[in-house]
Amino acid sequence: MAATKKTDAKSTQKETQSKGRNIYYLSARKGKDGKKDCWEIKMENCKKVSALADTKDEAIKKAKELAGKKSATIIVRKVDGSIQETIKCGD
């Protein structure tokens, strides 16, 4: 009997989106007290933060600058971690 690899819909969608695309995640960074400290921008599959910003609007602007003219997707999260919006950049 052949082994079957189980995949859920979210992981399949994530793999499909990441192929040939630049995806940036914008989320709240929490301080030691558990409250929002600032906003961070991370590129998919990178361990390091690409940029930090004091406000969400500044973080969106920085993410767009990081994306430049290349095709990219910016996934903006609310403070609670749920997705607020998705922004497509480039072509």
PDB file of N, CA and C in Angstrom:
ATOM      1  N   MET A   1       0.840  -1.184   0.000  1.00  0.00           N
ATOM      2  CA  MET A   1       0.000   0.000   0.000  1.00  0.00           C
ATOM      3  C   MET A   1       0.882   1.242   0.000  1.00  0.00           C
ATOM      4  N   ALA A   2       0.647   2.147  -0.918  1.00  0.00           N
ATOM      5  CA  ALA A   2       1.451   3.351  -1.051  1.00  0.00           C
ATOM      6  C   ALA A   2       1.076   4.364   0.027  1.00  0.00           C
ATOM      7  N   ALA A   3       2.093   5.074   0.497  1.00  0.00           N
ATOM      8  CA  ALA A   3       1.851   6.113   1.510  1.00  0.00           C
ATOM      9  C   ALA A   3       1.175   7.310   0.860  1.00  0.00           C
ATOM     10  N   THR A   4       0.208   7.864   1.545  1.00  0.00           N
ATOM     11  CA  THR A   4      -0.520   9.015   1.035  1.00  0.00           C
ATOM     12  C   THR A   4      -0.179  10.226   1.876  1.00  0.00           C
ATOM     13  N   LYS A   5       0.183  11.320   1.201  1.00  0.00           N
ATOM     14  CA  LYS A   5       0.509  12.550   1.911  1.00  0.00           C
ATOM     15  C   LYS A   5      -0.756  13.393   2.030  1.00  0.00           C
ATOM     16  N   LYS A   6      -1.145  13.697   3.258  1.00  0.00           N
ATOM     17  CA  LYS A   6      -2.326  14.518   3.479  1.00  0.00           C
ATOM     18  C   LYS A   6      -1.939  15.992   3.427  1.00  0.00           C
ATOM     19  N   THR A   7      -2.739  16.780   2.721  1.00  0.00           N
ATOM     20  CA  THR A   7      -2.542  18.224   2.695  1.00  0.00           C
ATOM     21  C   THR A   7      -3.883  18.891   2.894  1.00  0.00           C
ATOM     22  N   ASP A   8      -3.875  19.962   3.641  1.00  0.00           N
ATOM     23  CA  ASP A   8      -5.124  20.682   3.828  1.00  0.00           C
ATOM     24  C   ASP A   8      -5.218  21.797   2.795  1.00  0.00           C
ATOM     25  N   ALA A   9      -6.392  22.363   2.647  1.00  0.00           N
ATOM     26  CA  ALA A   9      -6.642  23.380   1.624  1.00  0.00           C
ATOM     27  C   ALA A   9      -5.757  24.602   1.797  1.00  0.00           C
ATOM     28  N   LYS A  10      -5.509  25.022   3.042  1.00  0.00           N
ATOM     29  CA  LYS A  10      -4.686  26.210   3.286  1.00  0.00           C
ATOM     30  C   LYS A  10      -3.255  26.011   2.811  1.00  0.00           C
ATOM     31  N   SER A  11      -2.649  24.858   3.121  1.00  0.00           N
ATOM     32  CA  SER A  11      -1.268  24.636   2.714  1.00  0.00           C
ATOM     33  C   SER A  11      -1.159  24.514   1.198  1.00  0.00           C
ATOM     34  N   THR A  12      -2.136  23.903   0.559  1.00  0.00           N
ATOM     35  CA  THR A  12      -2.130  23.793  -0.900  1.00  0.00           C
ATOM     36  C   THR A  12      -2.246  25.171  -1.534  1.00  0.00           C
ATOM     37  N   GLN A  13      -3.125  26.008  -1.006  1.00  0.00           N
ATOM     38  CA  GLN A  13      -3.297  27.355  -1.526  1.00  0.00           C
ATOM     39  C   GLN A  13      -2.018  28.159  -1.328  1.00  0.00           C
ATOM     40  N   LYS A  14      -1.382  28.012  -0.177  1.00  0.00           N
ATOM     41  CA  LYS A  14      -0.158  28.749   0.120  1.00  0.00           C
ATOM     42  C   LYS A  14       0.958  28.342  -0.835  1.00  0.00           C
ATOM     43  N   GLU A  15       1.101  27.034  -1.098  1.00  0.00           N
ATOM     44  CA  GLU A  15       2.125  26.557  -2.020  1.00  0.00           C
ATOM     45  C   GLU A  15       1.880  27.110  -3.415  1.00  0.00           C
ATOM     46  N   THR A  16       0.640  27.137  -3.849  1.00  0.00           N
ATOM     47  CA  THR A  16       0.295  27.642  -5.171  1.00  0.00           C
ATOM     48  C   THR A  16       0.606  29.121  -5.276  1.00  0.00           C
ATOM     49  N   GLN A  17       0.264  29.890  -4.240  1.00  0.00           N
ATOM     50  CA  GLN A  17       0.499  31.324  -4.266  1.00  0.00           C
ATOM     51  C   GLN A  17       1.979  31.645  -4.261  1.00  0.00           C
ATOM     52  N   SER A  18       2.786  30.867  -3.552  1.00  0.00           N
ATOM     53  CA  SER A  18       4.189  31.209  -3.387  1.00  0.00           C
ATOM     54  C   SER A  18       5.046  30.884  -4.607  1.00  0.00           C
ATOM     55  N   LYS A  19       4.575  30.049  -5.504  1.00  0.00           N
ATOM     56  CA  LYS A  19       5.371  29.684  -6.669  1.00  0.00           C
ATOM     57  C   LYS A  19       5.458  30.872  -7.627  1.00  0.00           C
ATOM     58  N   GLY A  20       6.690  31.412  -7.771  1.00  0.00           N
ATOM     59  CA  GLY A  20       6.911  32.493  -8.710  1.00  0.00           C
ATOM     60  C   GLY A  20       6.367  33.839  -8.259  1.00  0.00           C
ATOM     61  N   ARG A  21       5.974  33.962  -7.017  1.00  0.00           N
ATOM     62  CA  ARG A  21       5.424  35.230  -6.522  1.00  0.00           C
ATOM     63  C   ARG A  21       6.186  35.667  -5.285  1.00  0.00           C
ATOM     64  N   ASN A  22       6.207  36.960  -5.083  1.00  0.00           N
ATOM     65  CA  ASN A  22       6.773  37.531  -3.871  1.00  0.00           C
ATOM     66  C   ASN A  22       5.615  37.886  -2.959  1.00  0.00           C
ATOM     67  N   ILE A  23       5.597  37.307  -1.777  1.00  0.00           N
ATOM     68  CA  ILE A  23       4.512  37.564  -0.841  1.00  0.00           C
ATOM     69  C   ILE A  23       5.089  38.194   0.425  1.00  0.00           C
ATOM     70  N   TYR A  24       4.547  39.344   0.785  1.00  0.00           N
ATOM     71  CA  TYR A  24       4.950  40.054   1.991  1.00  0.00           C
ATOM     72  C   TYR A  24       3.812  39.985   2.997  1.00  0.00           C
ATOM     73  N   TYR A  25       4.154  39.719   4.260  1.00  0.00           N
ATOM     74  CA  TYR A  25       3.163  39.676   5.330  1.00  0.00           C
ATOM     75  C   TYR A  25       3.368  40.887   6.221  1.00  0.00           C
ATOM     76  N   LEU A  26       2.317  41.631   6.446  1.00  0.00           N
ATOM     77  CA  LEU A  26       2.349  42.808   7.296  1.00  0.00           C
ATOM     78  C   LEU A  26       1.521  42.487   8.536  1.00  0.00           C
ATOM     79  N   SER A  27       2.163  42.507   9.707  1.00  0.00           N
ATOM     80  CA  SER A  27       1.438  42.142  10.928  1.00  0.00           C
ATOM     81  C   SER A  27       1.934  42.961  12.121  1.00  0.00           C
ATOM     82  N   ALA A  28       1.126  42.962  13.174  1.00  0.00           N
ATOM     83  CA  ALA A  28       1.474  43.690  14.395  1.00  0.00           C
ATOM     84  C   ALA A  28       2.544  42.917  15.155  1.00  0.00           C
ATOM     85  N   ARG A  29       3.519  43.653  15.638  1.00  0.00           N
ATOM     86  CA  ARG A  29       4.547  43.058  16.491  1.00  0.00           C
ATOM     87  C   ARG A  29       4.194  43.437  17.920  1.00  0.00           C
ATOM     88  N   LYS A  30       4.112  42.449  18.770  1.00  0.00           N
ATOM     89  CA  LYS A  30       3.714  42.699  20.149  1.00  0.00           C
ATOM     90  C   LYS A  30       4.928  42.793  21.062  1.00  0.00           C
ATOM     91  N   GLY A  31       4.839  43.701  22.018  1.00  0.00           N
ATOM     92  CA  GLY A  31       5.899  43.882  22.998  1.00  0.00           C
ATOM     93  C   GLY A  31       5.794  42.861  24.118  1.00  0.00           C
ATOM     94  N   LYS A  32       6.639  43.008  25.114  1.00  0.00           N
ATOM     95  CA  LYS A  32       6.655  42.078  26.245  1.00  0.00           C
ATOM     96  C   LYS A  32       5.352  42.106  27.032  1.00  0.00           C
ATOM     97  N   ASP A  33       4.650  43.245  26.979  1.00  0.00           N
ATOM     98  CA  ASP A  33       3.375  43.369  27.694  1.00  0.00           C
ATOM     99  C   ASP A  33       2.204  42.764  26.924  1.00  0.00           C
ATOM    100  N   GLY A  34       2.459  42.280  25.707  1.00  0.00           N
ATOM    101  CA  GLY A  34       1.414  41.646  24.904  1.00  0.00           C
ATOM    102  C   GLY A  34       0.612  42.615  24.052  1.00  0.00           C
ATOM    103  N   LYS A  35       0.920  43.898  24.148  1.00  0.00           N
ATOM    104  CA  LYS A  35       0.222  44.909  23.348  1.00  0.00           C
ATOM    105  C   LYS A  35       1.022  45.229  22.096  1.00  0.00           C
ATOM    106  N   LYS A  36       0.329  45.768  21.082  1.00  0.00           N
ATOM    107  CA  LYS A  36       0.985  46.104  19.815  1.00  0.00           C
ATOM    108  C   LYS A  36       2.101  47.110  20.063  1.00  0.00           C
ATOM    109  N   ASP A  37       3.284  46.780  19.562  1.00  0.00           N
ATOM    110  CA  ASP A  37       4.452  47.640  19.707  1.00  0.00           C
ATOM    111  C   ASP A  37       4.679  48.433  18.428  1.00  0.00           C
ATOM    112  N   CYS A  38       4.651  47.737  17.294  1.00  0.00           N
ATOM    113  CA  CYS A  38       4.823  48.352  15.981  1.00  0.00           C
ATOM    114  C   CYS A  38       4.331  47.368  14.917  1.00  0.00           C
ATOM    115  N   TRP A  39       4.525  47.694  13.666  1.00  0.00           N
ATOM    116  CA  TRP A  39       4.117  46.829  12.556  1.00  0.00           C
ATOM    117  C   TRP A  39       5.364  46.303  11.874  1.00  0.00           C
ATOM    118  N   GLU A  40       5.348  45.018  11.513  1.00  0.00           N
ATOM    119  CA  GLU A  40       6.498  44.414  10.843  1.00  0.00           C
ATOM    120  C   GLU A  40       6.117  43.871   9.478  1.00  0.00           C
ATOM    121  N   ILE A  41       7.089  43.916   8.567  1.00  0.00           N
ATOM    122  CA  ILE A  41       6.910  43.387   7.221  1.00  0.00           C
ATOM    123  C   ILE A  41       7.912  42.254   7.058  1.00  0.00           C
ATOM    124  N   LYS A  42       7.400  41.066   6.722  1.00  0.00           N
ATOM    125  CA  LYS A  42       8.253  39.905   6.484  1.00  0.00           C
ATOM    126  C   LYS A  42       7.922  39.327   5.123  1.00  0.00           C
ATOM    127  N   MET A  43       8.951  38.917   4.409  1.00  0.00           N
ATOM    128  CA  MET A  43       8.739  38.246   3.139  1.00  0.00           C
ATOM    129  C   MET A  43       8.533  36.762   3.421  1.00  0.00           C
ATOM    130  N   GLU A  44       7.682  36.136   2.633  1.00  0.00           N
ATOM    131  CA  GLU A  44       7.399  34.708   2.823  1.00  0.00           C
ATOM    132  C   GLU A  44       8.686  33.895   2.787  1.00  0.00           C
ATOM    133  N   ASN A  45       8.782  32.926   3.667  1.00  0.00           N
ATOM    134  CA  ASN A  45       9.910  32.000   3.799  1.00  0.00           C
ATOM    135  C   ASN A  45      11.196  32.663   4.281  1.00  0.00           C
ATOM    136  N   CYS A  46      11.118  33.874   4.829  1.00  0.00           N
ATOM    137  CA  CYS A  46      12.282  34.542   5.411  1.00  0.00           C
ATOM    138  C   CYS A  46      12.121  34.581   6.923  1.00  0.00           C
ATOM    139  N   LYS A  47      13.192  34.317   7.616  1.00  0.00           N
ATOM    140  CA  LYS A  47      13.139  34.337   9.074  1.00  0.00           C
ATOM    141  C   LYS A  47      13.272  35.753   9.620  1.00  0.00           C
ATOM    142  N   LYS A  48      13.985  36.610   8.895  1.00  0.00           N
ATOM    143  CA  LYS A  48      14.221  37.970   9.360  1.00  0.00           C
ATOM    144  C   LYS A  48      13.123  38.918   8.900  1.00  0.00           C
ATOM    145  N   VAL A  49      12.880  39.935   9.714  1.00  0.00           N
ATOM    146  CA  VAL A  49      11.921  40.984   9.383  1.00  0.00           C
ATOM    147  C   VAL A  49      12.559  41.895   8.340  1.00  0.00           C
ATOM    148  N   SER A  50      11.796  42.242   7.292  1.00  0.00           N
ATOM    149  CA  SER A  50      12.305  43.117   6.233  1.00  0.00           C
ATOM    150  C   SER A  50      12.289  44.580   6.648  1.00  0.00           C
ATOM    151  N   ALA A  51      11.264  44.995   7.401  1.00  0.00           N
ATOM    152  CA  ALA A  51      11.136  46.392   7.829  1.00  0.00           C
ATOM    153  C   ALA A  51      10.166  46.495   9.001  1.00  0.00           C
ATOM    154  N   LEU A  52      10.304  47.598   9.753  1.00  0.00           N
ATOM    155  CA  LEU A  52       9.400  47.908  10.856  1.00  0.00           C
ATOM    156  C   LEU A  52       8.822  49.299  10.616  1.00  0.00           C
ATOM    157  N   ALA A  53       7.605  49.530  11.121  1.00  0.00           N
ATOM    158  CA  ALA A  53       6.955  50.834  10.995  1.00  0.00           C
ATOM    159  C   ALA A  53       6.101  51.099  12.223  1.00  0.00           C
ATOM    160  N   ASP A  54       5.922  52.387  12.541  1.00  0.00           N
ATOM    161  CA  ASP A  54       5.119  52.758  13.712  1.00  0.00           C
ATOM    162  C   ASP A  54       3.624  52.598  13.465  1.00  0.00           C
ATOM    163  N   THR A  55       3.173  52.860  12.226  1.00  0.00           N
ATOM    164  CA  THR A  55       1.745  52.764  11.914  1.00  0.00           C
ATOM    165  C   THR A  55       1.520  51.766  10.788  1.00  0.00           C
ATOM    166  N   LYS A  56       0.282  51.308  10.673  1.00  0.00           N
ATOM    167  CA  LYS A  56      -0.063  50.365   9.607  1.00  0.00           C
ATOM    168  C   LYS A  56       0.086  51.018   8.238  1.00  0.00           C
ATOM    169  N   ASP A  57      -0.321  52.292   8.118  1.00  0.00           N
ATOM    170  CA  ASP A  57      -0.190  52.995   6.840  1.00  0.00           C
ATOM    171  C   ASP A  57       1.266  53.102   6.397  1.00  0.00           C
ATOM    172  N   GLU A  58       2.169  53.402   7.343  1.00  0.00           N
ATOM    173  CA  GLU A  58       3.599  53.455   7.026  1.00  0.00           C
ATOM    174  C   GLU A  58       4.097  52.078   6.592  1.00  0.00           C
ATOM    175  N   ALA A  59       3.627  51.029   7.262  1.00  0.00           N
ATOM    176  CA  ALA A  59       4.051  49.664   6.936  1.00  0.00           C
ATOM    177  C   ALA A  59       3.595  49.269   5.537  1.00  0.00           C
ATOM    178  N   ILE A  60       2.374  49.638   5.158  1.00  0.00           N
ATOM    179  CA  ILE A  60       1.879  49.344   3.809  1.00  0.00           C
ATOM    180  C   ILE A  60       2.738  50.064   2.771  1.00  0.00           C
ATOM    181  N   LYS A  61       3.060  51.325   3.042  1.00  0.00           N
ATOM    182  CA  LYS A  61       3.900  52.105   2.124  1.00  0.00           C
ATOM    183  C   LYS A  61       5.281  51.462   1.969  1.00  0.00           C
ATOM    184  N   LYS A  62       5.889  51.035   3.092  1.00  0.00           N
ATOM    185  CA  LYS A  62       7.198  50.379   3.045  1.00  0.00           C
ATOM    186  C   LYS A  62       7.137  49.051   2.296  1.00  0.00           C
ATOM    187  N   ALA A  63       6.068  48.285   2.512  1.00  0.00           N
ATOM    188  CA  ALA A  63       5.919  47.001   1.811  1.00  0.00           C
ATOM    189  C   ALA A  63       5.822  47.222   0.307  1.00  0.00           C
ATOM    190  N   LYS A  64       5.091  48.264  -0.101  1.00  0.00           N
ATOM    191  CA  LYS A  64       4.993  48.581  -1.529  1.00  0.00           C
ATOM    192  C   LYS A  64       6.343  48.987  -2.094  1.00  0.00           C
ATOM    193  N   GLU A  65       7.134  49.724  -1.308  1.00  0.00           N
ATOM    194  CA  GLU A  65       8.483  50.103  -1.741  1.00  0.00           C
ATOM    195  C   GLU A  65       9.373  48.875  -1.865  1.00  0.00           C
ATOM    196  N   LEU A  66       9.271  47.953  -0.916  1.00  0.00           N
ATOM    197  CA  LEU A  66      10.058  46.720  -0.979  1.00  0.00           C
ATOM    198  C   LEU A  66       9.688  45.892  -2.207  1.00  0.00           C
ATOM    199  N   ALA A  67       8.409  45.858  -2.518  1.00  0.00           N
ATOM    200  CA  ALA A  67       7.943  45.096  -3.681  1.00  0.00           C
ATOM    201  C   ALA A  67       8.454  45.710  -4.967  1.00  0.00           C
ATOM    202  N   GLY A  68       8.573  47.042  -4.988  1.00  0.00           N
ATOM    203  CA  GLY A  68       9.058  47.731  -6.183  1.00  0.00           C
ATOM    204  C   GLY A  68       8.128  47.495  -7.357  1.00  0.00           C
ATOM    205  N   LYS A  69       8.716  47.256  -8.515  1.00  0.00           N
ATOM    206  CA  LYS A  69       7.927  47.053  -9.732  1.00  0.00           C
ATOM    207  C   LYS A  69       7.648  45.580 -10.002  1.00  0.00           C
ATOM    208  N   LYS A  70       8.226  44.695  -9.174  1.00  0.00           N
ATOM    209  CA  LYS A  70       8.007  43.262  -9.408  1.00  0.00           C
ATOM    210  C   LYS A  70       6.613  42.841  -8.952  1.00  0.00           C
ATOM    211  N   SER A  71       6.142  41.770  -9.499  1.00  0.00           N
ATOM    212  CA  SER A  71       4.842  41.227  -9.127  1.00  0.00           C
ATOM    213  C   SER A  71       4.910  40.737  -7.685  1.00  0.00           C
ATOM    214  N   ALA A  72       4.013  41.256  -6.841  1.00  0.00           N
ATOM    215  CA  ALA A  72       4.036  40.880  -5.431  1.00  0.00           C
ATOM    216  C   ALA A  72       2.635  40.967  -4.841  1.00  0.00           C
ATOM    217  N   THR A  73       2.452  40.266  -3.726  1.00  0.00           N
ATOM    218  CA  THR A  73       1.214  40.316  -2.967  1.00  0.00           C
ATOM    219  C   THR A  73       1.562  40.714  -1.544  1.00  0.00           C
ATOM    220  N   ILE A  74       0.808  41.664  -1.006  1.00  0.00           N
ATOM    221  CA  ILE A  74       0.994  42.089   0.376  1.00  0.00           C
ATOM    222  C   ILE A  74      -0.245  41.652   1.147  1.00  0.00           C
ATOM    223  N   ILE A  75      -0.038  40.828   2.161  1.00  0.00           N
ATOM    224  CA  ILE A  75      -1.145  40.355   2.983  1.00  0.00           C
ATOM    225  C   ILE A  75      -1.114  41.147   4.292  1.00  0.00           C
ATOM    226  N   VAL A  76      -2.144  41.961   4.499  1.00  0.00           N
ATOM    227  CA  VAL A  76      -2.227  42.845   5.661  1.00  0.00           C
ATOM    228  C   VAL A  76      -3.098  42.174   6.719  1.00  0.00           C
ATOM    229  N   ARG A  77      -2.550  42.052   7.922  1.00  0.00           N
ATOM    230  CA  ARG A  77      -3.277  41.431   9.023  1.00  0.00           C
ATOM    231  C   ARG A  77      -3.711  42.479  10.044  1.00  0.00           C
ATOM    232  N   LYS A  78      -4.810  42.201  10.717  1.00  0.00           N
ATOM    233  CA  LYS A  78      -5.269  43.045  11.821  1.00  0.00           C
ATOM    234  C   LYS A  78      -4.423  42.730  13.055  1.00  0.00           C
ATOM    235  N   VAL A  79      -4.598  43.504  14.110  1.00  0.00           N
ATOM    236  CA  VAL A  79      -3.861  43.271  15.358  1.00  0.00           C
ATOM    237  C   VAL A  79      -4.139  41.870  15.900  1.00  0.00           C
ATOM    238  N   ASP A  80      -5.362  41.357  15.716  1.00  0.00           N
ATOM    239  CA  ASP A  80      -5.710  40.026  16.226  1.00  0.00           C
ATOM    240  C   ASP A  80      -5.162  38.886  15.360  1.00  0.00           C
ATOM    241  N   GLY A  81      -4.521  39.215  14.225  1.00  0.00           N
ATOM    242  CA  GLY A  81      -3.914  38.203  13.365  1.00  0.00           C
ATOM    243  C   GLY A  81      -4.758  37.785  12.179  1.00  0.00           C
ATOM    244  N   SER A  82      -6.031  38.168  12.152  1.00  0.00           N
ATOM    245  CA  SER A  82      -6.876  37.818  11.007  1.00  0.00           C
ATOM    246  C   SER A  82      -6.507  38.699   9.809  1.00  0.00           C
ATOM    247  N   ILE A  83      -6.787  38.225   8.609  1.00  0.00           N
ATOM    248  CA  ILE A  83      -6.436  38.968   7.400  1.00  0.00           C
ATOM    249  C   ILE A  83      -7.431  40.103   7.182  1.00  0.00           C
ATOM    250  N   GLN A  84      -6.886  41.310   7.015  1.00  0.00           N
ATOM    251  CA  GLN A  84      -7.708  42.488   6.777  1.00  0.00           C
ATOM    252  C   GLN A  84      -7.902  42.710   5.285  1.00  0.00           C
ATOM    253  N   GLU A  85      -6.789  42.647   4.531  1.00  0.00           N
ATOM    254  CA  GLU A  85      -6.872  42.857   3.089  1.00  0.00           C
ATOM    255  C   GLU A  85      -5.651  42.268   2.398  1.00  0.00           C
ATOM    256  N   THR A  86      -5.768  42.098   1.099  1.00  0.00           N
ATOM    257  CA  THR A  86      -4.674  41.635   0.260  1.00  0.00           C
ATOM    258  C   THR A  86      -4.479  42.669  -0.834  1.00  0.00           C
ATOM    259  N   ILE A  87      -3.229  43.106  -0.994  1.00  0.00           N
ATOM    260  CA  ILE A  87      -2.887  44.126  -1.982  1.00  0.00           C
ATOM    261  C   ILE A  87      -1.994  43.492  -3.037  1.00  0.00           C
ATOM    262  N   LYS A  88      -2.349  43.649  -4.300  1.00  0.00           N
ATOM    263  CA  LYS A  88      -1.549  43.136  -5.409  1.00  0.00           C
ATOM    264  C   LYS A  88      -0.722  44.286  -5.977  1.00  0.00           C
ATOM    265  N   CYS A  89       0.570  44.053  -6.195  1.00  0.00           N
ATOM    266  CA  CYS A  89       1.476  45.055  -6.737  1.00  0.00           C
ATOM    267  C   CYS A  89       2.103  44.540  -8.036  1.00  0.00           C
ATOM    268  N   GLY A  90       2.627  45.445  -8.829  1.00  0.00           N
ATOM    269  CA  GLY A  90       3.295  45.046 -10.077  1.00  0.00           C
ATOM    270  C   GLY A  90       2.286  44.737 -11.150  1.00  0.00           C
ATOM    271  N   ASP A  91       2.643  43.785 -12.006  1.00  0.00           N
ATOM    272  CA  ASP A  91       1.747  43.456 -13.131  1.00  0.00           C
ATOM    273  C   ASP A  91       0.617  42.671 -12.667  1.00  0.00           C
TER     274      ASP A  91
END
